[in-house]
N, C-alpha and C. Protein backbone atom coordinates (compact mmCIF):
# COMPACT_ATOMS: atom_id res chain seq x y z
N UNK A 1 -7.62 18.77 -16.96
CA UNK A 1 -7.73 18.30 -15.45
C UNK A 1 -7.88 16.95 -15.30
N UNK A 2 -8.70 16.23 -16.23
CA UNK A 2 -8.62 14.73 -16.20
C UNK A 2 -7.37 14.11 -16.26
N UNK A 3 -6.39 14.49 -17.14
CA UNK A 3 -5.10 13.71 -17.24
C UNK A 3 -4.24 14.13 -16.12
N UNK A 4 -4.28 15.32 -15.64
CA UNK A 4 -3.42 15.66 -14.46
C UNK A 4 -3.96 15.04 -13.17
N UNK A 5 -5.22 14.75 -13.04
CA UNK A 5 -5.85 14.09 -11.90
C UNK A 5 -5.42 12.66 -11.87
N UNK A 6 -5.37 12.02 -13.19
CA UNK A 6 -5.07 10.60 -13.27
C UNK A 6 -3.57 10.31 -12.91
N UNK A 7 -2.58 11.41 -13.42
CA UNK A 7 -1.23 11.34 -13.10
C UNK A 7 -0.96 11.44 -11.53
N UNK A 8 -1.80 12.25 -10.94
CA UNK A 8 -1.61 12.59 -9.47
C UNK A 8 -1.98 11.16 -8.76
N UNK A 9 -2.98 10.64 -9.23
CA UNK A 9 -3.57 9.39 -8.59
C UNK A 9 -2.36 8.38 -8.87
N UNK A 10 -1.93 8.18 -10.00
CA UNK A 10 -0.85 7.28 -10.22
C UNK A 10 0.33 7.46 -9.36
N UNK A 11 0.76 8.76 -9.26
CA UNK A 11 1.85 9.00 -8.32
C UNK A 11 1.40 8.62 -6.89
N UNK A 12 0.23 9.04 -6.43
CA UNK A 12 -0.10 8.69 -5.09
C UNK A 12 -0.16 7.05 -5.03
N UNK A 13 -0.58 6.31 -5.98
CA UNK A 13 -0.51 4.94 -5.85
C UNK A 13 0.92 4.56 -5.68
N UNK A 14 1.74 5.01 -6.35
CA UNK A 14 3.16 4.64 -6.25
C UNK A 14 3.74 4.95 -4.95
N UNK A 15 3.40 6.17 -4.40
CA UNK A 15 3.91 6.55 -3.08
C UNK A 15 3.25 5.64 -1.96
N UNK A 16 2.03 5.27 -2.22
CA UNK A 16 1.36 4.29 -1.18
C UNK A 16 2.06 3.06 -1.07
N UNK A 17 2.32 2.44 -2.13
CA UNK A 17 3.05 1.26 -2.25
C UNK A 17 4.36 1.39 -1.43
N UNK A 18 5.07 2.50 -1.69
CA UNK A 18 6.40 2.64 -1.24
C UNK A 18 6.29 2.96 0.41
N UNK A 19 5.34 3.73 0.74
CA UNK A 19 5.34 4.24 2.20
C UNK A 19 4.46 3.45 3.05
N UNK A 20 3.41 2.68 2.66
CA UNK A 20 2.61 2.02 3.47
C UNK A 20 1.24 2.16 2.93
N UNK A 21 0.33 1.41 3.92
CA UNK A 21 -1.12 1.18 3.51
C UNK A 21 -1.83 2.62 3.28
N UNK A 22 -2.94 2.69 2.77
CA UNK A 22 -3.71 3.91 2.68
C UNK A 22 -5.12 3.78 3.13
N UNK A 23 -5.60 4.84 3.44
CA UNK A 23 -7.07 4.98 3.98
C UNK A 23 -7.61 6.00 2.94
N UNK A 24 -8.55 5.77 2.21
CA UNK A 24 -9.16 6.67 1.35
C UNK A 24 -8.12 7.42 0.38
N UNK A 25 -7.09 6.76 0.13
CA UNK A 25 -6.18 7.35 -0.83
C UNK A 25 -5.14 8.19 -0.06
N UNK A 26 -5.05 8.34 1.09
CA UNK A 26 -4.05 8.93 1.95
C UNK A 26 -3.13 8.02 2.52
N UNK A 27 -1.81 8.48 2.33
CA UNK A 27 -0.92 7.64 2.92
C UNK A 27 -0.86 7.59 4.36
N UNK A 28 -0.83 6.31 4.90
CA UNK A 28 -0.81 6.27 6.38
C UNK A 28 0.62 5.78 6.80
N UNK A 29 1.36 6.64 7.47
CA UNK A 29 2.74 6.32 7.82
C UNK A 29 2.70 5.29 9.16
N UNK A 30 3.52 4.23 8.98
CA UNK A 30 3.52 3.47 10.08
C UNK A 30 4.56 3.78 11.00
N UNK A 31 4.40 4.04 12.36
CA UNK A 31 5.45 4.30 13.31
C UNK A 31 6.00 2.97 13.78
N UNK A 32 7.26 3.05 14.13
CA UNK A 32 7.88 1.88 14.85
C UNK A 32 7.71 2.08 16.30
N UNK A 33 6.92 1.19 16.98
CA UNK A 33 6.71 1.37 18.39
C UNK A 33 7.52 0.30 19.26
N UNK A 34 7.94 0.60 20.29
CA UNK A 34 8.65 -0.50 21.13
C UNK A 34 7.55 -1.52 21.64
N UNK A 35 7.84 -2.75 21.57
CA UNK A 35 6.99 -3.78 22.21
C UNK A 35 7.29 -3.91 23.73
N UNK A 36 6.63 -2.79 24.33
CA UNK A 36 6.67 -2.75 26.06
C UNK A 36 5.48 -1.98 26.38
N UNK A 37 5.00 -2.59 27.62
CA UNK A 37 3.86 -1.98 28.30
C UNK A 37 4.29 -0.74 29.16
N UNK A 38 3.71 0.36 29.01
CA UNK A 38 3.89 1.48 29.80
C UNK A 38 2.84 1.75 30.98
N UNK A 39 2.99 0.94 32.15
CA UNK A 39 2.18 1.07 33.16
C UNK A 39 1.92 2.35 33.65
N UNK A 40 2.77 3.29 33.43
CA UNK A 40 2.75 4.67 33.95
C UNK A 40 1.70 5.50 33.14
N UNK A 41 1.14 4.96 31.99
CA UNK A 41 0.16 5.54 31.19
C UNK A 41 -1.17 5.76 31.99
N UNK A 42 -1.43 5.00 33.05
CA UNK A 42 -2.65 5.05 33.81
C UNK A 42 -2.44 6.18 34.88
N UNK A 43 -1.39 6.61 35.05
CA UNK A 43 -1.33 7.85 36.05
C UNK A 43 -1.21 7.29 37.57
N UNK A 44 -1.53 5.92 37.78
CA UNK A 44 -1.36 5.57 39.28
C UNK A 44 -1.19 4.03 39.15
N UNK A 45 -0.49 3.42 40.14
CA UNK A 45 -0.48 2.10 40.25
C UNK A 45 -1.84 1.37 40.52
N UNK A 46 -2.63 1.95 41.18
CA UNK A 46 -3.96 1.51 41.42
C UNK A 46 -4.78 1.49 40.17
N UNK A 47 -4.61 2.38 39.26
CA UNK A 47 -5.46 2.45 38.02
C UNK A 47 -4.97 1.38 37.16
N UNK A 48 -3.62 1.16 37.13
CA UNK A 48 -2.98 0.10 36.26
C UNK A 48 -3.49 -1.23 36.79
N UNK A 49 -3.51 -1.33 38.09
CA UNK A 49 -4.03 -2.77 38.61
C UNK A 49 -5.43 -3.06 38.44
N UNK A 50 -6.24 -1.90 38.51
CA UNK A 50 -7.65 -2.07 38.06
C UNK A 50 -7.86 -2.52 36.65
N UNK A 51 -6.88 -1.94 35.69
CA UNK A 51 -6.92 -2.42 34.27
C UNK A 51 -6.62 -3.97 34.13
N UNK A 52 -5.55 -4.30 34.74
CA UNK A 52 -5.07 -5.57 34.69
C UNK A 52 -6.08 -6.57 35.31
N UNK A 53 -6.74 -6.17 36.36
CA UNK A 53 -7.92 -7.00 37.01
C UNK A 53 -8.94 -7.18 35.85
N UNK A 54 -9.37 -6.16 35.13
CA UNK A 54 -10.36 -6.28 34.13
C UNK A 54 -9.87 -7.13 32.95
N UNK A 55 -8.61 -7.21 32.74
CA UNK A 55 -8.18 -7.92 31.66
C UNK A 55 -8.17 -9.41 32.09
N UNK A 56 -7.77 -9.68 33.24
CA UNK A 56 -7.91 -11.01 33.84
C UNK A 56 -9.44 -11.44 33.87
N UNK A 57 -10.23 -10.75 34.20
CA UNK A 57 -11.86 -10.98 34.17
C UNK A 57 -12.16 -11.26 32.88
N UNK A 58 -11.82 -10.38 31.82
CA UNK A 58 -12.20 -10.83 30.34
C UNK A 58 -11.70 -12.11 29.91
N UNK A 59 -10.46 -12.32 30.27
CA UNK A 59 -9.77 -13.59 29.79
C UNK A 59 -10.54 -14.82 30.50
N UNK A 60 -11.05 -14.49 31.75
CA UNK A 60 -11.77 -15.75 32.36
C UNK A 60 -13.03 -16.06 31.74
N UNK A 61 -13.63 -15.09 30.89
CA UNK A 61 -14.98 -15.21 30.27
C UNK A 61 -14.75 -15.89 28.83
N UNK A 62 -13.56 -16.07 28.34
CA UNK A 62 -13.12 -16.46 27.05
C UNK A 62 -13.66 -17.94 26.97
N UNK A 63 -14.52 -18.16 25.89
CA UNK A 63 -14.93 -19.74 25.74
C UNK A 63 -14.03 -20.37 24.60
N UNK A 64 -13.22 -19.54 23.99
CA UNK A 64 -12.31 -20.14 23.07
C UNK A 64 -11.20 -19.12 22.80
N UNK A 65 -10.00 -19.71 22.65
CA UNK A 65 -8.87 -18.88 22.27
C UNK A 65 -8.26 -19.41 20.93
N UNK A 66 -8.00 -18.47 19.86
CA UNK A 66 -7.41 -18.82 18.64
C UNK A 66 -6.01 -18.13 18.36
N UNK A 67 -5.13 -18.93 18.06
CA UNK A 67 -3.91 -18.26 17.70
C UNK A 67 -4.08 -17.69 16.26
N UNK A 68 -3.60 -16.60 15.96
CA UNK A 68 -3.55 -15.96 14.63
C UNK A 68 -2.11 -15.86 14.27
N UNK A 69 -1.95 -15.55 12.99
CA UNK A 69 -0.51 -15.28 12.44
C UNK A 69 0.14 -14.18 13.15
N UNK A 70 -0.49 -12.99 13.70
CA UNK A 70 0.20 -12.00 14.44
C UNK A 70 -0.38 -11.73 15.70
N UNK A 71 -1.12 -12.65 16.22
CA UNK A 71 -1.72 -12.45 17.60
C UNK A 71 -2.76 -13.53 18.02
N UNK A 72 -3.78 -12.97 18.71
CA UNK A 72 -4.70 -13.94 19.14
C UNK A 72 -6.26 -13.40 19.10
N UNK A 73 -7.08 -14.31 19.02
CA UNK A 73 -8.60 -14.03 19.10
C UNK A 73 -9.19 -14.73 20.23
N UNK A 74 -9.97 -14.06 21.00
CA UNK A 74 -10.80 -14.54 22.04
C UNK A 74 -12.24 -14.44 21.72
N UNK A 75 -13.03 -15.57 21.93
CA UNK A 75 -14.43 -15.59 21.75
C UNK A 75 -14.97 -15.32 23.27
N UNK A 76 -15.70 -14.31 23.32
CA UNK A 76 -16.37 -13.75 24.70
C UNK A 76 -17.94 -13.87 24.47
N UNK A 77 -18.59 -13.87 25.57
CA UNK A 77 -19.94 -13.76 25.43
C UNK A 77 -20.35 -12.58 24.83
N UNK A 78 -21.57 -12.40 24.02
CA UNK A 78 -21.89 -11.32 23.37
C UNK A 78 -22.95 -10.42 23.95
N UNK A 79 -23.09 -10.49 25.19
CA UNK A 79 -24.05 -9.61 25.80
C UNK A 79 -23.62 -8.26 25.93
N UNK A 80 -24.37 -7.34 26.20
CA UNK A 80 -24.22 -5.85 26.05
C UNK A 80 -23.01 -5.50 27.06
N UNK A 81 -23.07 -6.01 28.27
CA UNK A 81 -22.03 -5.71 29.30
C UNK A 81 -20.68 -6.09 28.83
N UNK A 82 -20.60 -7.31 28.21
CA UNK A 82 -19.19 -7.73 27.81
C UNK A 82 -18.77 -6.95 26.68
N UNK A 83 -19.63 -6.55 25.72
CA UNK A 83 -19.09 -5.69 24.58
C UNK A 83 -18.85 -4.49 25.22
N UNK A 84 -19.40 -3.79 26.11
CA UNK A 84 -18.95 -2.39 26.56
C UNK A 84 -17.68 -2.56 27.50
N UNK A 85 -17.51 -3.69 28.23
CA UNK A 85 -16.51 -3.89 28.88
C UNK A 85 -15.22 -4.11 28.25
N UNK A 86 -15.35 -4.90 27.04
CA UNK A 86 -14.35 -5.01 26.03
C UNK A 86 -13.77 -3.84 25.49
N UNK A 87 -14.67 -2.90 25.06
CA UNK A 87 -14.51 -1.66 24.58
C UNK A 87 -13.65 -0.84 25.46
N UNK A 88 -14.06 -0.71 26.69
CA UNK A 88 -13.39 0.14 27.93
C UNK A 88 -12.05 -0.44 27.98
N UNK A 89 -11.91 -1.74 27.91
CA UNK A 89 -10.45 -2.33 28.20
C UNK A 89 -9.71 -2.01 27.17
N UNK A 90 -10.09 -2.02 25.82
CA UNK A 90 -9.34 -1.71 24.78
C UNK A 90 -8.92 -0.14 24.90
N UNK A 91 -9.72 0.79 25.25
CA UNK A 91 -9.38 2.15 25.45
C UNK A 91 -8.18 2.12 26.41
N UNK A 92 -8.19 1.42 27.41
CA UNK A 92 -7.17 1.55 28.46
C UNK A 92 -5.81 0.80 27.84
N UNK A 93 -6.04 -0.18 27.39
CA UNK A 93 -4.88 -1.04 26.70
C UNK A 93 -4.12 -0.16 25.70
N UNK A 94 -4.85 0.50 24.88
CA UNK A 94 -4.26 1.30 23.88
C UNK A 94 -3.25 2.39 24.42
N UNK A 95 -3.58 2.80 25.72
CA UNK A 95 -2.62 3.76 26.38
C UNK A 95 -1.25 3.06 26.73
N UNK A 96 -1.42 2.03 27.33
CA UNK A 96 -0.05 1.43 27.66
C UNK A 96 0.51 0.58 26.71
N UNK A 97 -0.09 0.07 25.73
CA UNK A 97 0.44 -0.86 24.69
C UNK A 97 0.03 -0.36 23.27
N UNK A 98 0.56 0.82 22.86
CA UNK A 98 0.20 1.45 21.57
C UNK A 98 0.68 0.64 20.43
N UNK A 99 1.49 -0.29 20.61
CA UNK A 99 2.02 -1.16 19.51
C UNK A 99 0.95 -2.33 18.98
N UNK A 100 0.04 -2.44 19.85
CA UNK A 100 -1.08 -3.45 19.49
C UNK A 100 -2.21 -2.91 18.74
N UNK A 101 -2.88 -3.78 17.97
CA UNK A 101 -3.99 -3.42 17.15
C UNK A 101 -5.22 -4.33 17.80
N UNK A 102 -6.34 -3.70 17.90
CA UNK A 102 -7.59 -4.43 18.50
C UNK A 102 -8.69 -4.33 17.56
N UNK A 103 -9.46 -5.22 17.65
CA UNK A 103 -10.83 -5.30 16.96
C UNK A 103 -11.85 -6.11 17.70
N UNK A 104 -12.97 -5.56 17.91
CA UNK A 104 -14.20 -6.37 18.36
C UNK A 104 -15.24 -6.80 17.36
N UNK A 105 -15.49 -7.81 17.18
CA UNK A 105 -16.58 -8.13 16.16
C UNK A 105 -17.82 -8.86 16.93
N UNK A 106 -18.86 -8.31 16.78
CA UNK A 106 -20.05 -8.70 17.35
C UNK A 106 -20.87 -9.59 16.15
N UNK A 107 -21.13 -10.78 16.48
CA UNK A 107 -21.78 -11.62 15.46
C UNK A 107 -23.23 -11.80 15.84
N UNK A 108 -24.07 -12.16 14.81
CA UNK A 108 -25.52 -12.40 14.89
C UNK A 108 -25.74 -13.32 16.06
N UNK A 109 -24.90 -14.40 16.08
CA UNK A 109 -25.26 -15.54 16.90
C UNK A 109 -24.92 -15.15 18.56
N UNK A 110 -24.63 -13.85 18.66
CA UNK A 110 -24.35 -13.25 20.05
C UNK A 110 -22.98 -13.59 20.48
N UNK A 111 -22.14 -13.89 19.67
CA UNK A 111 -20.71 -14.20 20.02
C UNK A 111 -20.00 -12.86 19.75
N UNK A 112 -18.98 -12.56 20.65
CA UNK A 112 -18.07 -11.38 20.54
C UNK A 112 -16.62 -11.98 20.27
N UNK A 113 -15.96 -11.44 19.30
CA UNK A 113 -14.57 -11.91 19.16
C UNK A 113 -13.85 -10.64 19.39
N UNK A 114 -12.82 -10.84 20.24
CA UNK A 114 -11.65 -9.73 20.47
C UNK A 114 -10.58 -10.27 19.88
N UNK A 115 -9.96 -9.50 19.00
CA UNK A 115 -8.77 -9.70 18.31
C UNK A 115 -7.66 -8.85 18.81
N UNK A 116 -6.59 -9.29 19.22
CA UNK A 116 -5.43 -8.49 19.48
C UNK A 116 -4.20 -8.87 18.61
N UNK A 117 -3.76 -7.95 17.83
CA UNK A 117 -2.65 -8.42 16.86
C UNK A 117 -1.56 -7.23 17.11
N UNK A 118 -0.38 -7.52 16.57
CA UNK A 118 0.63 -6.52 16.50
C UNK A 118 1.82 -6.86 15.73
N UNK A 119 2.87 -6.17 15.76
CA UNK A 119 3.97 -6.37 15.03
C UNK A 119 4.87 -7.67 15.56
N UNK A 120 5.92 -7.89 14.73
CA UNK A 120 6.69 -9.09 15.19
C UNK A 120 7.13 -8.96 16.50
N UNK A 121 7.07 -10.02 17.55
CA UNK A 121 7.29 -10.03 18.92
C UNK A 121 6.13 -9.96 19.79
N UNK A 122 5.03 -9.05 19.27
CA UNK A 122 3.99 -8.91 20.11
C UNK A 122 3.13 -10.06 20.45
N UNK A 123 3.11 -11.06 19.50
CA UNK A 123 2.36 -12.38 19.76
C UNK A 123 2.90 -13.13 20.90
N UNK A 124 4.22 -13.09 20.98
CA UNK A 124 4.88 -13.84 22.19
C UNK A 124 4.60 -12.99 23.46
N UNK A 125 4.47 -11.83 23.54
CA UNK A 125 4.13 -11.11 24.74
C UNK A 125 2.61 -11.52 25.04
N UNK A 126 1.81 -11.47 24.19
CA UNK A 126 0.45 -11.82 24.34
C UNK A 126 0.21 -13.24 24.83
N UNK A 127 1.13 -14.25 24.20
CA UNK A 127 1.08 -15.73 24.57
C UNK A 127 1.40 -15.78 26.07
N UNK A 128 2.42 -15.14 26.57
CA UNK A 128 2.84 -15.13 27.92
C UNK A 128 1.66 -14.77 28.84
N UNK A 129 0.98 -13.62 28.52
CA UNK A 129 -0.13 -13.15 29.27
C UNK A 129 -1.21 -14.11 29.24
N UNK A 130 -1.64 -14.80 28.06
CA UNK A 130 -2.62 -15.74 28.02
C UNK A 130 -2.31 -17.10 28.91
N UNK A 131 -1.14 -17.46 28.92
CA UNK A 131 -0.83 -18.75 29.43
C UNK A 131 -0.74 -18.50 31.01
N UNK A 132 -0.49 -17.19 31.45
CA UNK A 132 -0.49 -16.94 32.78
C UNK A 132 -1.88 -16.87 33.46
N UNK A 133 -2.92 -16.81 32.75
CA UNK A 133 -4.27 -16.89 33.13
C UNK A 133 -5.07 -17.87 32.47
């Protein structure tokens, strides 16, 4: 049993390197998604506009913007209302822009960092949006 298990782990490790990153030893297959916003994911033009207004509001709260290798990081106030608003915005943004990756980091000094990253080309889309606001 021990030898067969080690062989299986070795095979899985080889498969993981060939097919993509793993989570807990399970191969995670990466999908190639188009770099395009699908505003219809919100169901109505009004709902999409509300989402965009919230994005602009959050951007206006940013006290710092950092360019990352594959995206951007925004420092926001770390109060509870902003943390919750950021999380709600991410839920909406995942609908229309599934090619993006998001993270919220709450720091002890009450800073909140919102990181938005993505595949090649996504950073330019984000830059255009940041420069518009």
